[in-house]
C-alpha atoms as a PDB file:
ATOM      1  CA  MET A   1      19.667   5.552 -42.305  1.00  0.00           C
ATOM      2  CA  ARG A   2      22.977   3.846 -41.295  1.00  0.00           C
ATOM      3  CA  LYS A   3      22.602   0.310 -40.683  1.00  0.00           C
ATOM      4  CA  VAL A   4      23.162  -0.874 -37.072  1.00  0.00           C
ATOM      5  CA  LYS A   5      25.072  -3.886 -36.236  1.00  0.00           C
ATOM      6  CA  GLU A   6      22.580  -6.746 -35.478  1.00  0.00           C
ATOM      7  CA  PRO A   7      22.649  -8.497 -32.116  1.00  0.00           C
ATOM      8  CA  ASN A   8      22.752 -12.299 -32.015  1.00  0.00           C
ATOM      9  CA  ASN A   9      19.648 -14.047 -33.407  1.00  0.00           C
ATOM     10  CA  PHE A  10      18.096 -10.763 -34.605  1.00  0.00           C
ATOM     11  CA  GLN A  11      17.949  -9.100 -38.064  1.00  0.00           C
ATOM     12  CA  ALA A  12      17.370  -5.567 -38.646  1.00  0.00           C
ATOM     13  CA  ASP A  13      15.259  -3.844 -41.212  1.00  0.00           C
ATOM     14  CA  GLU A  14      16.417  -0.495 -42.717  1.00  0.00           C
ATOM     15  CA  THR A  15      13.254   1.547 -42.348  1.00  0.00           C
ATOM     16  CA  LEU A  16      12.428   4.892 -40.670  1.00  0.00           C
ATOM     17  CA  SER A  17      13.439   3.113 -37.398  1.00  0.00           C
ATOM     18  CA  VAL A  18      15.237  -0.018 -36.637  1.00  0.00           C
ATOM     19  CA  VAL A  19      12.943  -3.093 -36.109  1.00  0.00           C
ATOM     20  CA  TRP A  20      14.396  -6.209 -34.512  1.00  0.00           C
ATOM     21  CA  HIS A  21      12.984  -9.562 -35.645  1.00  0.00           C
ATOM     22  CA  HIS A  22      13.214 -12.450 -33.248  1.00  0.00           C
ATOM     23  CA  GLN A  23      14.546 -15.511 -35.107  1.00  0.00           C
ATOM     24  CA  ASN A  24      13.995 -19.280 -34.791  1.00  0.00           C
ATOM     25  CA  ILE A  25      10.572 -18.984 -33.067  1.00  0.00           C
ATOM     26  CA  PRO A  26       7.665 -21.583 -33.339  1.00  0.00           C
ATOM     27  CA  LEU A  27       5.437 -21.009 -36.429  1.00  0.00           C
ATOM     28  CA  GLN A  28       1.795 -21.787 -36.963  1.00  0.00           C
ATOM     29  CA  ASN A  29       0.752 -24.170 -39.731  1.00  0.00           C
ATOM     30  CA  ASN A  30      -2.867 -23.188 -40.134  1.00  0.00           C
ATOM     31  CA  SER A  31      -4.848 -20.126 -40.923  1.00  0.00           C
ATOM     32  CA  TYR A  32      -6.663 -19.425 -37.646  1.00  0.00           C
ATOM     33  CA  ASP A  33      -4.191 -19.412 -34.661  1.00  0.00           C
ATOM     34  CA  CYS A  34      -2.190 -16.346 -35.691  1.00  0.00           C
ATOM     35  CA  GLY A  35      -3.663 -14.054 -33.012  1.00  0.00           C
ATOM     36  CA  VAL A  36      -2.965 -16.506 -30.203  1.00  0.00           C
ATOM     37  CA  PHE A  37       0.576 -16.951 -31.485  1.00  0.00           C
ATOM     38  CA  VAL A  38       1.144 -13.211 -31.558  1.00  0.00           C
ATOM     39  CA  CYS A  39      -0.334 -12.842 -27.996  1.00  0.00           C
ATOM     40  CA  PHE A  40       1.815 -15.665 -26.714  1.00  0.00           C
ATOM     41  CA  TYR A  41       4.994 -14.142 -28.268  1.00  0.00           C
ATOM     42  CA  ALA A  42       4.120 -10.800 -26.705  1.00  0.00           C
ATOM     43  CA  GLU A  43       3.587 -12.334 -23.329  1.00  0.00           C
ATOM     44  CA  GLN A  44       6.806 -14.278 -23.278  1.00  0.00           C
ATOM     45  CA  LEU A  45       8.830 -11.309 -24.511  1.00  0.00           C
ATOM     46  CA  SER A  46       7.284  -9.100 -21.786  1.00  0.00           C
ATOM     47  CA  MET A  47       8.426 -11.440 -19.147  1.00  0.00           C
ATOM     48  CA  LEU A  48      11.915 -11.808 -20.777  1.00  0.00           C
ATOM     49  CA  LYS A  49      11.314 -15.534 -21.389  1.00  0.00           C
ATOM     50  CA  THR A  50      12.567 -17.685 -24.286  1.00  0.00           C
ATOM     51  CA  ILE A  51       9.763 -18.223 -26.958  1.00  0.00           C
ATOM     52  CA  GLU A  52       9.255 -21.986 -27.096  1.00  0.00           C
ATOM     53  CA  LYS A  53       6.980 -24.889 -26.095  1.00  0.00           C
ATOM     54  CA  VAL A  54       3.962 -23.638 -28.257  1.00  0.00           C
ATOM     55  CA  ASN A  55       2.550 -25.236 -31.303  1.00  0.00           C
ATOM     56  CA  THR A  56      -0.819 -25.833 -32.982  1.00  0.00           C
ATOM     57  CA  VAL A  57      -1.226 -29.097 -31.139  1.00  0.00           C
ATOM     58  CA  ASN A  58      -1.266 -27.568 -27.708  1.00  0.00           C
ATOM     59  CA  MET A  59      -2.797 -24.222 -28.725  1.00  0.00           C
ATOM     60  CA  ASN A  60      -6.158 -24.850 -27.084  1.00  0.00           C
ATOM     61  CA  GLY A  61      -4.399 -24.922 -23.651  1.00  0.00           C
ATOM     62  CA  PHE A  62      -2.946 -21.473 -24.409  1.00  0.00           C
ATOM     63  CA  ARG A  63      -6.316 -20.140 -25.467  1.00  0.00           C
ATOM     64  CA  THR A  64      -7.835 -21.404 -22.169  1.00  0.00           C
ATOM     65  CA  GLN A  65      -4.991 -19.775 -20.216  1.00  0.00           C
ATOM     66  CA  MET A  66      -5.328 -16.432 -22.126  1.00  0.00           C
ATOM     67  CA  LEU A  67      -9.072 -16.392 -21.316  1.00  0.00           C
ATOM     68  CA  ARG A  68      -8.380 -17.083 -17.637  1.00  0.00           C
ATOM     69  CA  ASN A  69      -5.744 -14.223 -17.588  1.00  0.00           C
ATOM     70  CA  ILE A  70      -8.293 -11.923 -19.213  1.00  0.00           C
ATOM     71  CA  LEU A  71     -11.163 -12.729 -16.798  1.00  0.00           C
ATOM     72  CA  GLU A  72      -9.154 -13.183 -13.554  1.00  0.00           C
ATOM     73  CA  SER A  73      -6.102 -10.921 -13.969  1.00  0.00           C
ATOM     74  CA  TYR A  74      -4.941  -7.743 -15.501  1.00  0.00           C
ATOM     75  CA  GLU A  75      -7.984  -5.803 -14.523  1.00  0.00           C
ATOM     76  CA  GLN A  76      -6.971  -2.167 -14.633  1.00  0.00           C
ATOM     77  CA  LEU A  77      -7.241  -0.204 -11.497  1.00  0.00           C
ATOM     78  CA  SER A  78     -10.299   1.987 -11.938  1.00  0.00           C
ATOM     79  CA  THR A  79     -10.252   5.645 -11.311  1.00  0.00           C
ATOM     80  CA  LEU A  80     -10.737   6.363  -7.630  1.00  0.00           C
ATOM     81  CA  GLU A  81     -14.231   8.222  -7.399  1.00  0.00           C
ATOM     82  CA  ASN A  82     -15.070   8.310  -3.652  1.00  0.00           C
ATOM     83  CA  ALA A  83     -14.835  11.565  -1.703  1.00  0.00           C
ATOM     84  CA  GLU A  84     -11.827  10.352   0.400  1.00  0.00           C
ATOM     85  CA  ASN A  85      -9.641   9.756  -2.697  1.00  0.00           C
ATOM     86  CA  GLY A  86     -10.997  12.575  -4.834  1.00  0.00           C
ATOM     87  CA  GLN A  87      -7.722  14.481  -4.660  1.00  0.00           C
ATOM     88  CA  ILE A  88      -5.753  11.420  -5.678  1.00  0.00           C
ATOM     89  CA  SER A  89      -8.062  10.879  -8.741  1.00  0.00           C
ATOM     90  CA  LYS A  90      -7.550  14.519  -9.799  1.00  0.00           C
ATOM     91  CA  GLU A  91      -3.787  14.242  -9.600  1.00  0.00           C
ATOM     92  CA  ILE A  92      -3.833  11.026 -11.561  1.00  0.00           C
ATOM     93  CA  THR A  93      -5.904  12.762 -14.228  1.00  0.00           C
ATOM     94  CA  ASP A  94      -3.668  15.811 -14.361  1.00  0.00           C
ATOM     95  CA  GLN A  95      -0.353  13.857 -14.350  1.00  0.00           C
ATOM     96  CA  ARG A  96      -1.228  10.670 -15.933  1.00  0.00           C
ATOM     97  CA  SER A  97       1.210   9.205 -18.454  1.00  0.00           C
ATOM     98  CA  THR A  98       0.323   5.894 -20.146  1.00  0.00           C
ATOM     99  CA  SER A  99       3.672   4.381 -19.625  1.00  0.00           C
ATOM    100  CA  LEU A 100       4.167   5.486 -16.011  1.00  0.00           C
ATOM    101  CA  SER A 101       0.725   5.236 -14.235  1.00  0.00           C
ATOM    102  CA  ASP A 102      -0.797   1.969 -15.027  1.00  0.00           C
ATOM    103  CA  VAL A 103      -1.868  -0.447 -12.286  1.00  0.00           C
ATOM    104  CA  TYR A 104      -3.154  -3.851 -13.031  1.00  0.00           C
ATOM    105  CA  LEU A 105      -4.445  -6.717 -10.897  1.00  0.00           C
ATOM    106  CA  TYR A 106      -1.929  -9.484 -11.480  1.00  0.00           C
ATOM    107  CA  GLN A 107      -3.359 -12.283  -9.293  1.00  0.00           C
ATOM    108  CA  SER A 108      -5.775 -12.883  -6.385  1.00  0.00           C
ATOM    109  CA  ALA A 109      -5.455 -15.271  -3.501  1.00  0.00           C
ATOM    110  CA  HIS A 110      -8.260 -17.504  -2.253  1.00  0.00           C
ATOM    111  CA  TYR A 111      -8.013 -16.006   1.129  1.00  0.00           C
ATOM    112  CA  HIS A 112      -6.877 -12.964   3.075  1.00  0.00           C
ATOM    113  CA  GLN A 113      -5.057 -12.566   6.425  1.00  0.00           C
ATOM    114  CA  GLY A 114      -8.373 -12.431   8.346  1.00  0.00           C
ATOM    115  CA  SER A 115      -9.942 -15.510   6.913  1.00  0.00           C
ATOM    116  CA  LEU A 116     -11.159 -17.273  10.029  1.00  0.00           C
ATOM    117  CA  HIS A 117     -11.658 -20.697   8.311  1.00  0.00           C
ATOM    118  CA  LEU A 118      -7.909 -20.637   7.494  1.00  0.00           C
ATOM    119  CA  PHE A 119      -6.443 -18.899  10.546  1.00  0.00           C
ATOM    120  CA  HIS A 120      -7.893 -20.134  13.934  1.00  0.00           C
ATOM    121  CA  HIS A 121      -6.082 -17.795  16.256  1.00  0.00           C
ATOM    122  CA  GLN A 122      -7.413 -14.610  17.902  1.00  0.00           C
ATOM    123  CA  GLN A 123      -4.959 -12.372  16.032  1.00  0.00           C
ATOM    124  CA  ALA A 124      -6.240 -13.239  12.592  1.00  0.00           C
ATOM    125  CA  GLY A 125      -6.339 -10.080  10.619  1.00  0.00           C
ATOM    126  CA  LEU A 126      -3.370  -8.482  12.444  1.00  0.00           C
ATOM    127  CA  GLN A 127      -0.549 -10.289  10.782  1.00  0.00           C
ATOM    128  CA  CYS A 128       0.124  -7.777   7.892  1.00  0.00           C
ATOM    129  CA  THR A 129       3.626  -6.741   8.791  1.00  0.00           C
ATOM    130  CA  ALA A 130       4.964 -10.277   9.098  1.00  0.00           C
ATOM    131  CA  ILE A 131       3.039 -11.430   6.006  1.00  0.00           C
ATOM    132  CA  ALA A 132       4.333  -8.490   3.944  1.00  0.00           C
ATOM    133  CA  THR A 133       7.856  -9.226   4.990  1.00  0.00           C
ATOM    134  CA  TYR A 134       7.452 -12.840   4.261  1.00  0.00           C
ATOM    135  CA  ALA A 135       6.017 -12.014   0.807  1.00  0.00           C
ATOM    136  CA  ILE A 136       9.099  -9.918  -0.100  1.00  0.00           C
ATOM    137  CA  ALA A 137      11.241 -12.995   0.260  1.00  0.00           C
ATOM    138  CA  ALA A 138       8.739 -15.388  -1.391  1.00  0.00           C
ATOM    139  CA  LEU A 139       7.784 -13.399  -4.501  1.00  0.00           C
ATOM    140  CA  PRO A 140      10.062 -13.825  -7.527  1.00  0.00           C
ATOM    141  CA  ASN A 141      12.495 -11.279  -8.569  1.00  0.00           C
ATOM    142  CA  HIS A 142      11.300 -11.075 -12.077  1.00  0.00           C
ATOM    143  CA  LEU A 143       7.996 -11.158 -13.797  1.00  0.00           C
ATOM    144  CA  SER A 144       6.700 -14.784 -13.946  1.00  0.00           C
ATOM    145  CA  SER A 145       3.566 -16.672 -13.587  1.00  0.00           C
ATOM    146  CA  ILE A 146       2.238 -16.351 -10.127  1.00  0.00           C
ATOM    147  CA  THR A 147      -0.795 -18.612  -9.116  1.00  0.00           C
ATOM    148  CA  MET A 148      -3.600 -18.224  -6.516  1.00  0.00           C
ATOM    149  CA  LYS A 149      -1.842 -21.040  -4.640  1.00  0.00           C
ATOM    150  CA  ASP A 150       1.367 -19.144  -4.613  1.00  0.00           C
ATOM    151  CA  LEU A 151      -0.354 -16.252  -2.795  1.00  0.00           C
ATOM    152  CA  ASP A 152      -2.244 -18.713  -0.441  1.00  0.00           C
ATOM    153  CA  ASP A 153       1.176 -20.101   0.475  1.00  0.00           C
ATOM    154  CA  ILE A 154       2.378 -16.578   1.125  1.00  0.00           C
ATOM    155  CA  LEU A 155      -0.418 -15.977   3.582  1.00  0.00           C
ATOM    156  CA  ILE A 156       0.047 -19.323   5.389  1.00  0.00           C
ATOM    157  CA  GLY A 157       3.821 -18.841   5.529  1.00  0.00           C
ATOM    158  CA  GLY A 158       3.499 -15.350   6.629  1.00  0.00           C
ATOM    159  CA  ASP A 159       1.030 -16.277   9.323  1.00  0.00           C
ATOM    160  CA  GLN A 160       3.415 -18.907  10.715  1.00  0.00           C
ATOM    161  CA  TYR A 161       6.166 -16.294  10.798  1.00  0.00           C
ATOM    162  CA  TYR A 162       3.789 -13.859  12.473  1.00  0.00           C
ATOM    163  CA  LEU A 163       2.983 -16.367  15.333  1.00  0.00           C
ATOM    164  CA  GLN A 164       6.775 -16.945  15.876  1.00  0.00           C
ATOM    165  CA  CYS A 165       7.242 -13.153  16.103  1.00  0.00           C
ATOM    166  CA  ARG A 166       4.182 -12.655  18.250  1.00  0.00           C
ATOM    167  CA  ALA A 167       5.527 -15.127  20.777  1.00  0.00           C
ATOM    168  CA  VAL A 168       8.226 -12.688  21.975  1.00  0.00           C
ATOM    169  CA  ALA A 169       6.420  -9.406  20.925  1.00  0.00           C
ATOM    170  CA  ASN A 170       4.676  -7.037  23.340  1.00  0.00           C
ATOM    171  CA  MET A 171       1.497  -6.381  21.175  1.00  0.00           C
ATOM    172  CA  ASP A 172      -0.573  -8.154  18.704  1.00  0.00           C
ATOM    173  CA  MET A 173       0.311  -5.842  15.944  1.00  0.00           C
ATOM    174  CA  LEU A 174       3.995  -6.034  15.269  1.00  0.00           C
ATOM    175  CA  ASN A 175       6.213  -3.120  14.491  1.00  0.00           C
ATOM    176  CA  ILE A 176       9.375  -3.378  12.423  1.00  0.00           C
ATOM    177  CA  ASP A 177      11.786  -3.976  15.287  1.00  0.00           C
ATOM    178  CA  GLU A 178       9.814  -6.915  16.428  1.00  0.00           C
ATOM    179  CA  LEU A 179      10.275  -8.941  13.257  1.00  0.00           C
ATOM    180  CA  LEU A 180      12.437 -11.958  13.975  1.00  0.00           C
ATOM    181  CA  PRO A 181      15.626 -11.973  11.919  1.00  0.00           C
ATOM    182  CA  THR A 182      15.274 -15.498  10.581  1.00  0.00           C
ATOM    183  CA  PHE A 183      12.456 -17.559   9.023  1.00  0.00           C
ATOM    184  CA  LEU A 184      11.922 -20.279   6.393  1.00  0.00           C
ATOM    185  CA  VAL A 185      10.485 -19.849   2.847  1.00  0.00           C
ATOM    186  CA  LYS A 186      10.155 -23.170   1.034  1.00  0.00           C
ATOM    187  CA  ASN A 187      12.565 -24.880   3.240  1.00  0.00           C
ATOM    188  CA  LYS A 188      15.314 -22.106   2.716  1.00  0.00           C
ATOM    189  CA  LEU A 189      16.528 -20.146   5.679  1.00  0.00           C
ATOM    190  CA  ILE A 190      15.989 -16.402   5.160  1.00  0.00           C
ATOM    191  CA  VAL A 191      17.937 -13.873   7.261  1.00  0.00           C
ATOM    192  CA  ILE A 192      17.002 -10.266   7.541  1.00  0.00           C
ATOM    193  CA  SER A 193      20.216  -8.477   7.110  1.00  0.00           C
ATOM    194  CA  GLU A 194      18.892  -4.936   7.138  1.00  0.00           C
ATOM    195  CA  LYS A 195      15.848  -3.020   8.239  1.00  0.00           C
ATOM    196  CA  LYS A 196      15.889   0.768   7.713  1.00  0.00           C
ATOM    197  CA  ASP A 197      13.637   3.701   7.141  1.00  0.00           C
ATOM    198  CA  VAL A 198      13.696   4.783   3.456  1.00  0.00           C
ATOM    199  CA  SER A 199      11.319   7.772   3.737  1.00  0.00           C
ATOM    200  CA  TYR A 200       8.202   8.931   5.496  1.00  0.00           C
ATOM    201  CA  GLY A 201       5.443  11.651   4.978  1.00  0.00           C
ATOM    202  CA  SER A 202       1.961  12.679   5.775  1.00  0.00           C
ATOM    203  CA  LEU A 203      -1.479  11.945   4.134  1.00  0.00           C
ATOM    204  CA  LEU A 204      -2.367  15.471   5.150  1.00  0.00           C
ATOM    205  CA  ASP A 205       0.142  17.135   2.717  1.00  0.00           C
ATOM    206  CA  GLU A 206      -1.382  19.315   0.081  1.00  0.00           C
ATOM    207  CA  ASN A 207      -0.474  16.702  -2.659  1.00  0.00           C
ATOM    208  CA  PRO A 208      -0.041  13.416  -0.865  1.00  0.00           C
ATOM    209  CA  LEU A 209       0.352  11.445  -4.205  1.00  0.00           C
ATOM    210  CA  THR A 210       3.017  13.776  -5.487  1.00  0.00           C
ATOM    211  CA  CYS A 211       4.978  13.479  -2.154  1.00  0.00           C
ATOM    212  CA  LEU A 212       4.847   9.720  -2.121  1.00  0.00           C
ATOM    213  CA  ASN A 213       5.739   9.513  -5.865  1.00  0.00           C
ATOM    214  CA  ASP A 214       8.692  11.927  -5.286  1.00  0.00           C
ATOM    215  CA  SER A 215       9.911   9.729  -2.372  1.00  0.00           C
ATOM    216  CA  ILE A 216       9.651   6.557  -4.476  1.00  0.00           C
ATOM    217  CA  VAL A 217      11.712   8.148  -7.271  1.00  0.00           C
ATOM    218  CA  GLU A 218      14.272   9.757  -4.983  1.00  0.00           C
ATOM    219  CA  LYS A 219      14.882   6.779  -2.565  1.00  0.00           C
ATOM    220  CA  ILE A 220      13.700   3.612  -4.584  1.00  0.00           C
ATOM    221  CA  GLU A 221      13.619   3.935  -8.307  1.00  0.00           C
ATOM    222  CA  THR A 222      17.222   3.804  -9.306  1.00  0.00           C
ATOM    223  CA  LYS A 223      18.581   4.857 -12.787  1.00  0.00           C
ATOM    224  CA  GLN A 224      20.915   1.945 -12.642  1.00  0.00           C
ATOM    225  CA  PRO A 225      20.021  -1.133 -14.712  1.00  0.00           C
ATOM    226  CA  THR A 226      20.454  -3.582 -11.851  1.00  0.00           C
ATOM    227  CA  ILE A 227      18.263  -4.312  -8.855  1.00  0.00           C
ATOM    228  CA  LYS A 228      19.317  -6.079  -5.796  1.00  0.00           C
ATOM    229  CA  ASN A 229      17.333  -9.439  -5.876  1.00  0.00           C
ATOM    230  CA  ASP A 230      16.958 -10.007  -2.192  1.00  0.00           C
ATOM    231  CA  CYS A 231      15.389  -6.840  -0.994  1.00  0.00           C
ATOM    232  CA  GLY A 232      11.869  -5.176  -0.938  1.00  0.00           C
ATOM    233  CA  TYR A 233       9.877  -2.497   0.747  1.00  0.00           C
ATOM    234  CA  LEU A 234       7.141  -2.169   3.303  1.00  0.00           C
ATOM    235  CA  PHE A 235       4.621   0.551   3.105  1.00  0.00           C
ATOM    236  CA  ILE A 236       2.901   1.287   6.486  1.00  0.00           C
ATOM    237  CA  THR A 237      -0.021   3.642   7.064  1.00  0.00           C
ATOM    238  CA  GLN A 238      -3.132   3.731   9.130  1.00  0.00           C
ATOM    239  CA  GLY A 239      -2.589   0.426  10.829  1.00  0.00           C
ATOM    240  CA  LYS A 240      -1.863  -1.633   7.625  1.00  0.00           C
ATOM    241  CA  THR A 241       1.313  -2.876   5.978  1.00  0.00           C
ATOM    242  CA  VAL A 242       1.720  -3.881   2.403  1.00  0.00           C
ATOM    243  CA  ALA A 243       4.802  -5.062   0.497  1.00  0.00           C
ATOM    244  CA  PHE A 244       6.369  -4.246  -2.877  1.00  0.00           C
ATOM    245  CA  LYS A 245       9.310  -5.327  -4.957  1.00  0.00           C
ATOM    246  CA  HIS A 246      11.140  -3.189  -7.499  1.00  0.00           C
ATOM    247  CA  LEU A 247      11.647  -4.715 -10.921  1.00  0.00           C
ATOM    248  CA  TYR A 248      13.819  -3.376 -13.757  1.00  0.00           C
ATOM    249  CA  LEU A 249      13.064  -4.488 -17.257  1.00  0.00           C
ATOM    250  CA  PRO A 250      16.309  -3.994 -19.382  1.00  0.00           C
ATOM    251  CA  HIS A 251      14.705  -4.445 -22.808  1.00  0.00           C
ATOM    252  CA  SER A 252      12.229  -1.485 -22.185  1.00  0.00           C
ATOM    253  CA  GLY A 253      14.400   0.562 -19.847  1.00  0.00           C
ATOM    254  CA  GLY A 254      11.471   0.792 -17.568  1.00  0.00           C
ATOM    255  CA  HIS A 255      10.781   0.339 -13.839  1.00  0.00           C
ATOM    256  CA  GLU A 256       7.950  -1.805 -12.492  1.00  0.00           C
ATOM    257  CA  PHE A 257       6.762  -2.923  -9.090  1.00  0.00           C
ATOM    258  CA  PHE A 258       4.845  -5.984  -7.605  1.00  0.00           C
ATOM    259  CA  LEU A 259       2.546  -4.797  -4.732  1.00  0.00           C
ATOM    260  CA  PHE A 260       1.117  -7.453  -2.487  1.00  0.00           C
ATOM    261  CA  ASN A 261      -1.694  -6.566  -0.053  1.00  0.00           C
ATOM    262  CA  SER A 262      -2.570  -9.278   2.392  1.00  0.00           C
ATOM    263  CA  HIS A 263      -5.690  -7.497   3.722  1.00  0.00           C
ATOM    264  CA  ALA A 264      -9.167  -8.250   2.309  1.00  0.00           C
ATOM    265  CA  VAL A 265      -9.195  -5.789  -0.690  1.00  0.00           C
ATOM    266  CA  ASP A 266     -11.102  -5.566  -3.960  1.00  0.00           C
ATOM    267  CA  ASN A 267      -9.708  -5.266  -7.509  1.00  0.00           C
ATOM    268  CA  ASN A 268      -8.894  -1.580  -6.826  1.00  0.00           C
ATOM    269  CA  ASN A 269      -6.922  -2.328  -3.699  1.00  0.00           C
ATOM    270  CA  CYS A 270      -9.739  -0.777  -1.578  1.00  0.00           C
ATOM    271  CA  LEU A 271     -11.848  -2.285   1.159  1.00  0.00           C
ATOM    272  CA  PRO A 272     -14.937  -3.917  -0.673  1.00  0.00           C
ATOM    273  CA  GLU A 273     -18.499  -3.072   0.130  1.00  0.00           C
ATOM    274  CA  ASP A 274     -19.175  -6.698   0.611  1.00  0.00           C
ATOM    275  CA  ASP A 275     -16.695  -8.368   3.030  1.00  0.00           C
ATOM    276  CA  SER A 276     -17.047 -11.684   1.200  1.00  0.00           C
ATOM    277  CA  ASP A 277     -15.495 -10.136  -1.912  1.00  0.00           C
ATOM    278  CA  GLY A 278     -12.182  -9.183  -0.145  1.00  0.00           C
ATOM    279  CA  LYS A 279      -9.074 -11.246  -0.883  1.00  0.00           C
ATOM    280  CA  ALA A 280      -5.423 -10.817  -0.713  1.00  0.00           C
ATOM    281  CA  ARG A 281      -4.152  -9.465  -4.101  1.00  0.00           C
ATOM    282  CA  LEU A 282      -1.021  -8.918  -6.101  1.00  0.00           C
ATOM    283  CA  PHE A 283      -0.795  -5.825  -8.218  1.00  0.00           C
ATOM    284  CA  ARG A 284       1.574  -4.943 -11.094  1.00  0.00           C
ATOM    285  CA  CYS A 285       2.420  -1.224 -11.177  1.00  0.00           C
ATOM    286  CA  CYS A 286       4.116   0.246 -14.251  1.00  0.00           C
ATOM    287  CA  GLY A 287       6.165   2.962 -12.759  1.00  0.00           C
ATOM    288  CA  SER A 288       6.614   5.004  -9.609  1.00  0.00           C
ATOM    289  CA  LEU A 289       3.386   7.026 -10.118  1.00  0.00           C
ATOM    290  CA  ALA A 290       1.359   3.771 -10.606  1.00  0.00           C
ATOM    291  CA  LEU A 291       2.905   2.427  -7.323  1.00  0.00           C
ATOM    292  CA  ALA A 292       2.053   5.578  -5.414  1.00  0.00           C
ATOM    293  CA  LYS A 293      -1.491   5.477  -6.712  1.00  0.00           C
ATOM    294  CA  ALA A 294      -1.981   1.883  -5.676  1.00  0.00           C
ATOM    295  CA  LEU A 295      -0.320   2.404  -2.219  1.00  0.00           C
ATOM    296  CA  LEU A 296      -2.728   5.266  -1.376  1.00  0.00           C
ATOM    297  CA  ALA A 297      -5.836   3.588  -2.815  1.00  0.00           C
ATOM    298  CA  GLY A 298      -8.295   3.004   0.111  1.00  0.00           C
ATOM    299  CA  THR A 299      -6.591   5.227   2.519  1.00  0.00           C
ATOM    300  CA  ASN A 300      -8.533   7.923   4.483  1.00  0.00           C
ATOM    301  CA  LEU A 301      -7.084  11.318   3.375  1.00  0.00           C
ATOM    302  CA  ASN A 302      -9.557  13.125   5.800  1.00  0.00           C
ATOM    303  CA  CYS A 303      -7.892  11.434   8.837  1.00  0.00           C
ATOM    304  CA  ASP A 304      -6.968  13.270  12.048  1.00  0.00           C
ATOM    305  CA  GLU A 305      -3.362  14.212  12.855  1.00  0.00           C
ATOM    306  CA  ASN A 306      -2.699  11.139  14.895  1.00  0.00           C
ATOM    307  CA  TYR A 307      -3.524   8.788  11.985  1.00  0.00           C
ATOM    308  CA  ASN A 308      -1.864  10.493   8.974  1.00  0.00           C
ATOM    309  CA  LEU A 309       1.693   9.268   8.710  1.00  0.00           C
ATOM    310  CA  TRP A 310       3.025   6.836   6.224  1.00  0.00           C
ATOM    311  CA  GLY A 311       6.476   5.219   6.150  1.00  0.00           C
ATOM    312  CA  LEU A 312       8.596   3.247   3.698  1.00  0.00           C
ATOM    313  CA  TYR A 313      10.954   0.672   5.059  1.00  0.00           C
ATOM    314  CA  LYS A 314      13.626  -1.276   3.065  1.00  0.00           C
ATOM    315  CA  ILE A 315      14.032  -4.973   4.058  1.00  0.00           C
ATOM    316  CA  THR A 316      17.224  -6.769   2.771  1.00  0.00           C
ATOM    317  CA  PHE A 317      17.651 -10.552   3.072  1.00  0.00           C
ATOM    318  CA  LEU A 318      20.281 -13.191   2.945  1.00  0.00           C
ATOM    319  CA  ARG A 319      19.237 -16.666   2.101  1.00  0.00           C
ATOM    320  CA  SER A 320      20.804 -20.100   2.561  1.00  0.00           C
ATOM    321  CA  PRO A 321      22.311 -21.590  -0.628  1.00  0.00           C
ATOM    322  CA  ASN A 322      20.272 -24.931  -0.207  1.00  0.00           C
END
């Protein structure tokens, strides 16, 4: 095999395929931390971060963090088994690709938009369109560590934005046109520069999952290796709005999405049987099919014709430099 020119800080082995070795990384100096080091390297590389700040002295902290991530995050979205979502489950089984249809719970908030001990106004539970819009501006534009407090802050900031919009709106539940064009996120002024329909469809289509996936691929998932940082999407159906952002991973050449649902949902993005188990949650969707699966989770596919439409809306922002 012809040797390929090595990129900076990497060295290639001439084997059946080219393998790149990361150089100048922290090394263990004992015989029992190898697994933790490897997992830490993999996590950092997957998030496009520099491998640093890890050694055998502070390894216990990383062990604890790994355990917390395993127990509280990255729970794979289970196959949808209930009757309403039977068709979606079948399509996922028939079309499933390991690299394109994985959905993971990334992080959970302490609360949700209807938490009465957090929101003391009569419209608590109806703020989803404003919170989802706020979330697009507040969530990072790349994979990074997102805490429960970060999601709580999105709920609180989004609720304040809702109350500002509601002061001049006609109804408690906002439509896209009633979103005020300016709001603050962490003391930065955010200006909505564009609100437009991207696509729409019906839950009564013969293959709703396929229809939504095709729309995402056609209108959202670009083949270009750059993604506009200050934009995201709202998915609206059956009286609820959720937000998602498109991420491109240049090292893998793959497309991923962050999906944020401010409603009280379980680990599968569905309404829980016990209301006390519901929280606002952030999901990581590896590909367009995974995103479509997560967006349709919990929807009623047996609805009547007046309750069957879904819409995708692109929201683009400008933000102040300071």
